[in-house]
């Protein structure tokens, strides 16, 4: 089975549509959504409705910190993110807000764990930026592969049976074997707001038969996504950073 993984969509319709089309063209049979469907981008209504429809058709979805913030006024972020969250609340209807509020923090799927941030403290929204955080996450679950997002930069970590950690940045379109003698933490890049210097949208494919993961990059109409942010009256920096992949 070929499973498509999407994280950090951030209300970017143009990026998500491009990734969905690419995954379909490559034969993806299932989808897993790893949170942050809203925030930063100009199309939260469309993004949440699309995720709801996907879940209704069998996709799995977990909650991200921006999704949580929509229904939790006490949760604060940086000024730009907070501004967009408050705007987002006005764009979503009761059904959409209820959907976000009911999302689970984690999902266990066979030998795989799905979470937005990391496994040791899912609601702590910890960023996996090094082998230290990766090791903490891997130690918190027996799952063979943990999939997460949150940092908007693709990375792969593994832990051997002798507790040796490895890490590297995967190359787009190059399959990586998920060796059974190791446990893995796959950190996805962002669909809607990449921060690795590459503005192309990011997602990943897991081939469960070959036991391989492939990170994918998809060019999309970044200018249109940026224009929609400006038109919505959201902070201009959010449009500019899309163009730079930051």
Protein backbone atom coordinates (compact mmCIF):
# COMPACT_ATOMS: atom_id res chain seq x y z
CA UNK A 1 0.00 0.00 0.00
CA UNK A 2 1.14 3.53 -0.78
CA UNK A 3 0.28 6.04 1.96
CA UNK A 4 0.61 9.81 1.47
CA UNK A 5 1.54 11.95 4.49
CA UNK A 6 0.74 15.66 4.64
CA UNK A 7 1.72 18.05 7.45
CA UNK A 8 1.48 21.78 8.06
CA UNK A 9 -0.96 22.67 5.32
CA UNK A 10 -1.54 26.07 6.94
CA UNK A 11 -4.56 27.08 4.88
CA UNK A 12 -2.51 27.14 1.67
CA UNK A 13 -4.98 25.93 -0.92
CA UNK A 14 -2.64 26.16 -3.88
CA UNK A 15 0.06 24.06 -2.18
CA UNK A 16 -2.31 21.42 -0.82
CA UNK A 17 -4.13 21.00 -4.13
CA UNK A 18 -0.78 20.51 -5.86
CA UNK A 19 0.34 17.89 -3.32
CA UNK A 20 -2.97 16.02 -3.47
CA UNK A 21 -2.79 15.90 -7.27
CA UNK A 22 0.84 14.71 -7.17
CA UNK A 23 0.07 11.98 -4.64
CA UNK A 24 -2.89 10.79 -6.69
CA UNK A 25 -0.76 10.71 -9.85
CA UNK A 26 1.81 8.58 -8.03
CA UNK A 27 -0.83 6.08 -6.93
CA UNK A 28 -1.36 6.93 -3.26
CA UNK A 29 -4.13 4.75 -1.81
CA UNK A 30 -4.50 6.31 1.64
CA UNK A 31 -3.79 9.66 3.27
CA UNK A 32 -2.57 10.64 6.72
CA UNK A 33 -2.78 14.27 7.83
CA UNK A 34 -0.42 15.40 10.57
CA UNK A 35 -1.94 18.66 11.75
CA UNK A 36 -1.83 22.43 11.34
CA UNK A 37 -4.51 22.68 8.72
CA UNK A 38 -5.00 26.37 9.57
CA UNK A 39 -2.79 29.33 10.43
CA UNK A 40 -0.68 31.63 8.24
CA UNK A 41 -2.58 31.03 4.99
CA UNK A 42 -5.66 32.64 3.45
CA UNK A 43 -7.97 29.65 2.93
CA UNK A 44 -8.75 28.04 6.31
CA UNK A 45 -12.39 27.35 5.40
CA UNK A 46 -11.37 25.42 2.30
CA UNK A 47 -8.52 23.62 4.06
CA UNK A 48 -10.57 22.37 7.00
CA UNK A 49 -13.50 21.39 4.78
CA UNK A 50 -11.14 19.43 2.54
CA UNK A 51 -9.58 17.63 5.51
CA UNK A 52 -13.04 16.83 6.86
CA UNK A 53 -14.02 15.31 3.52
CA UNK A 54 -10.81 13.29 3.38
CA UNK A 55 -11.37 11.92 6.88
CA UNK A 56 -14.93 11.05 5.88
CA UNK A 57 -13.44 9.00 3.04
CA UNK A 58 -11.00 7.10 5.26
CA UNK A 59 -8.03 9.41 5.84
CA UNK A 60 -6.51 9.72 9.31
CA UNK A 61 -5.85 13.12 10.89
CA UNK A 62 -4.27 14.40 14.11
CA UNK A 63 -4.36 17.81 15.75
CA UNK A 64 -1.69 20.47 15.31
CA UNK A 65 -0.92 23.39 17.60
CA UNK A 66 -2.59 25.93 15.28
CA UNK A 67 -5.69 23.73 15.10
CA UNK A 68 -5.70 23.54 18.89
CA UNK A 69 -5.29 27.30 19.21
CA UNK A 70 -8.46 27.94 17.20
CA UNK A 71 -10.57 26.59 20.05
CA UNK A 72 -8.25 27.57 22.90
CA UNK A 73 -8.07 31.36 23.34
CA UNK A 74 -5.68 30.93 26.27
CA UNK A 75 -3.02 29.46 23.95
CA UNK A 76 -0.83 32.26 22.65
CA UNK A 77 1.67 32.37 19.80
CA UNK A 78 3.94 34.96 18.26
CA UNK A 79 2.20 38.15 17.16
CA UNK A 80 1.76 37.24 13.48
CA UNK A 81 0.55 33.71 14.18
CA UNK A 82 -1.82 34.99 16.87
CA UNK A 83 -3.28 37.59 14.50
CA UNK A 84 -3.99 34.92 11.90
CA UNK A 85 -5.52 32.52 14.44
CA UNK A 86 -7.94 35.20 15.61
CA UNK A 87 -8.82 35.95 11.97
CA UNK A 88 -9.18 32.23 11.27
CA UNK A 89 -11.77 31.85 14.02
CA UNK A 90 -13.98 34.29 12.13
CA UNK A 91 -13.59 32.28 8.92
CA UNK A 92 -14.65 28.89 10.29
CA UNK A 93 -18.16 27.70 11.06
CA UNK A 94 -19.25 25.74 14.15
CA UNK A 95 -18.91 22.36 12.38
CA UNK A 96 -15.36 23.10 11.30
CA UNK A 97 -14.31 24.34 14.74
CA UNK A 98 -15.88 21.26 16.35
CA UNK A 99 -13.98 19.03 13.92
CA UNK A 100 -10.64 20.62 14.83
CA UNK A 101 -11.39 20.42 18.56
CA UNK A 102 -12.20 16.71 18.35
CA UNK A 103 -9.03 15.66 16.54
CA UNK A 104 -6.75 13.28 18.46
CA UNK A 105 -3.21 14.20 19.45
CA UNK A 106 -1.86 10.84 18.26
CA UNK A 107 -2.97 7.83 16.23
CA UNK A 108 -1.42 4.37 16.44
CA UNK A 109 -1.71 2.59 13.07
CA UNK A 110 -0.21 -0.88 13.09
CA UNK A 111 3.54 -0.32 13.70
CA UNK A 112 3.29 3.40 12.96
CA UNK A 113 2.59 6.38 15.23
CA UNK A 114 1.20 9.65 13.88
CA UNK A 115 1.65 12.91 15.82
CA UNK A 116 2.05 16.57 14.96
CA UNK A 117 5.03 17.45 17.14
CA UNK A 118 6.65 14.43 18.84
CA UNK A 119 5.70 11.39 20.91
CA UNK A 120 6.97 12.12 24.43
CA UNK A 121 4.65 15.08 25.03
CA UNK A 122 2.30 15.58 22.08
CA UNK A 123 0.47 18.54 23.65
CA UNK A 124 3.76 20.23 24.55
CA UNK A 125 4.36 21.10 20.89
CA UNK A 126 8.08 20.38 21.15
CA UNK A 127 10.16 20.99 18.02
CA UNK A 128 12.36 18.10 16.87
CA UNK A 129 15.45 20.00 15.77
CA UNK A 130 18.23 17.58 16.77
CA UNK A 131 19.00 14.00 17.73
CA UNK A 132 18.28 14.94 21.36
CA UNK A 133 14.60 15.68 20.73
CA UNK A 134 14.39 12.81 18.25
CA UNK A 135 15.80 10.36 20.80
CA UNK A 136 13.30 11.55 23.41
CA UNK A 137 10.44 11.04 20.99
CA UNK A 138 11.62 7.61 19.88
CA UNK A 139 12.06 6.50 23.49
CA UNK A 140 8.42 7.34 24.22
CA UNK A 141 6.94 4.81 21.78
CA UNK A 142 7.62 1.26 20.58
CA UNK A 143 6.44 2.18 17.08
CA UNK A 144 8.72 1.17 14.23
CA UNK A 145 8.11 4.51 12.49
CA UNK A 146 6.85 7.74 14.02
CA UNK A 147 5.63 10.39 11.59
CA UNK A 148 5.46 14.05 12.61
CA UNK A 149 5.64 17.58 11.26
CA UNK A 150 5.73 20.89 13.13
CA UNK A 151 9.19 22.21 12.21
CA UNK A 152 8.46 22.68 8.48
CA UNK A 153 11.78 21.10 7.51
CA UNK A 154 12.20 17.49 6.31
CA UNK A 155 14.46 15.19 8.33
CA UNK A 156 14.93 11.50 9.07
CA UNK A 157 16.21 10.05 12.35
CA UNK A 158 16.80 6.45 13.32
CA UNK A 159 17.68 4.55 16.48
CA UNK A 160 19.55 1.24 16.32
CA UNK A 161 19.17 -1.68 18.73
CA UNK A 162 22.45 -0.51 20.31
CA UNK A 163 20.91 2.94 20.91
CA UNK A 164 22.95 4.62 18.19
CA UNK A 165 21.19 7.65 16.68
CA UNK A 166 21.57 8.73 13.07
CA UNK A 167 20.08 11.71 11.28
CA UNK A 168 20.08 13.15 7.78
CA UNK A 169 18.12 15.36 5.43
CA UNK A 170 16.39 13.18 2.83
CA UNK A 171 16.75 13.90 -0.86
CA UNK A 172 13.52 14.49 -2.74
CA UNK A 173 12.29 11.54 -4.83
CA UNK A 174 14.97 9.19 -3.45
CA UNK A 175 13.36 6.22 -1.63
CA UNK A 176 14.84 5.42 1.80
CA UNK A 177 14.49 1.85 3.15
CA UNK A 178 12.98 1.69 6.64
CA UNK A 179 15.31 -1.02 7.92
CA UNK A 180 13.62 -3.34 10.43
CA UNK A 181 16.63 -3.32 12.78
CA UNK A 182 16.08 0.38 13.52
CA UNK A 183 13.24 2.55 14.72
CA UNK A 184 12.55 5.66 12.72
CA UNK A 185 11.30 9.21 13.18
CA UNK A 186 10.19 10.76 9.89
CA UNK A 187 9.82 14.54 10.16
CA UNK A 188 7.87 15.83 7.19
CA UNK A 189 8.43 19.10 5.45
CA UNK A 190 5.49 21.49 5.22
CA UNK A 191 2.83 21.46 2.55
CA UNK A 192 1.85 25.07 3.06
CA UNK A 193 4.86 26.90 4.46
CA UNK A 194 8.27 25.25 3.83
CA UNK A 195 11.14 26.66 5.87
CA UNK A 196 14.17 24.97 4.35
CA UNK A 197 14.86 27.54 1.64
CA UNK A 198 12.85 25.67 -0.98
CA UNK A 199 9.40 27.17 -1.67
CA UNK A 200 8.09 23.95 -3.25
CA UNK A 201 5.42 22.19 -1.20
CA UNK A 202 6.52 19.06 0.66
CA UNK A 203 4.90 15.75 1.55
CA UNK A 204 5.96 12.09 1.78
CA UNK A 205 4.95 8.66 0.51
CA UNK A 206 5.35 5.39 2.41
CA UNK A 207 5.33 2.12 0.51
CA UNK A 208 4.30 -0.40 3.17
CA UNK A 209 5.21 -3.41 0.99
CA UNK A 210 8.67 -2.23 0.01
CA UNK A 211 9.07 -0.55 3.43
CA UNK A 212 10.40 2.62 1.82
CA UNK A 213 9.68 6.28 2.43
CA UNK A 214 10.04 8.89 -0.30
CA UNK A 215 10.04 12.61 0.40
CA UNK A 216 8.41 14.62 -2.39
CA UNK A 217 8.62 18.28 -3.44
CA UNK A 218 5.91 19.82 -5.57
CA UNK A 219 6.14 23.23 -7.29
CA UNK A 220 2.90 25.19 -7.05
CA UNK A 221 1.56 28.69 -7.71
CA UNK A 222 3.35 30.42 -4.84
CA UNK A 223 2.54 33.87 -6.23
CA UNK A 224 -1.19 33.14 -6.09
CA UNK A 225 -0.96 31.86 -2.52
CA UNK A 226 0.97 34.98 -1.51
CA UNK A 227 -1.51 37.24 -3.29
CA UNK A 228 -4.39 35.67 -1.39
CA UNK A 229 -2.62 36.36 1.91
CA UNK A 230 -2.22 40.01 0.97
CA UNK A 231 -5.82 40.26 -0.23
CA UNK A 232 -7.07 38.84 3.07
CA UNK A 233 -5.27 41.59 4.97
CA UNK A 234 -2.95 39.20 6.77
CA UNK A 235 0.63 40.20 7.72
CA UNK A 236 2.67 40.81 4.57
CA UNK A 237 5.65 38.85 5.89
CA UNK A 238 3.56 35.68 5.66
CA UNK A 239 3.30 36.20 1.90
CA UNK A 240 6.97 37.09 1.51
CA UNK A 241 8.23 34.04 3.37
CA UNK A 242 6.32 31.69 1.02
CA UNK A 243 8.30 33.06 -1.90
CA UNK A 244 11.59 32.43 -0.09
CA UNK A 245 10.67 29.07 1.46
CA UNK A 246 11.23 30.53 4.91
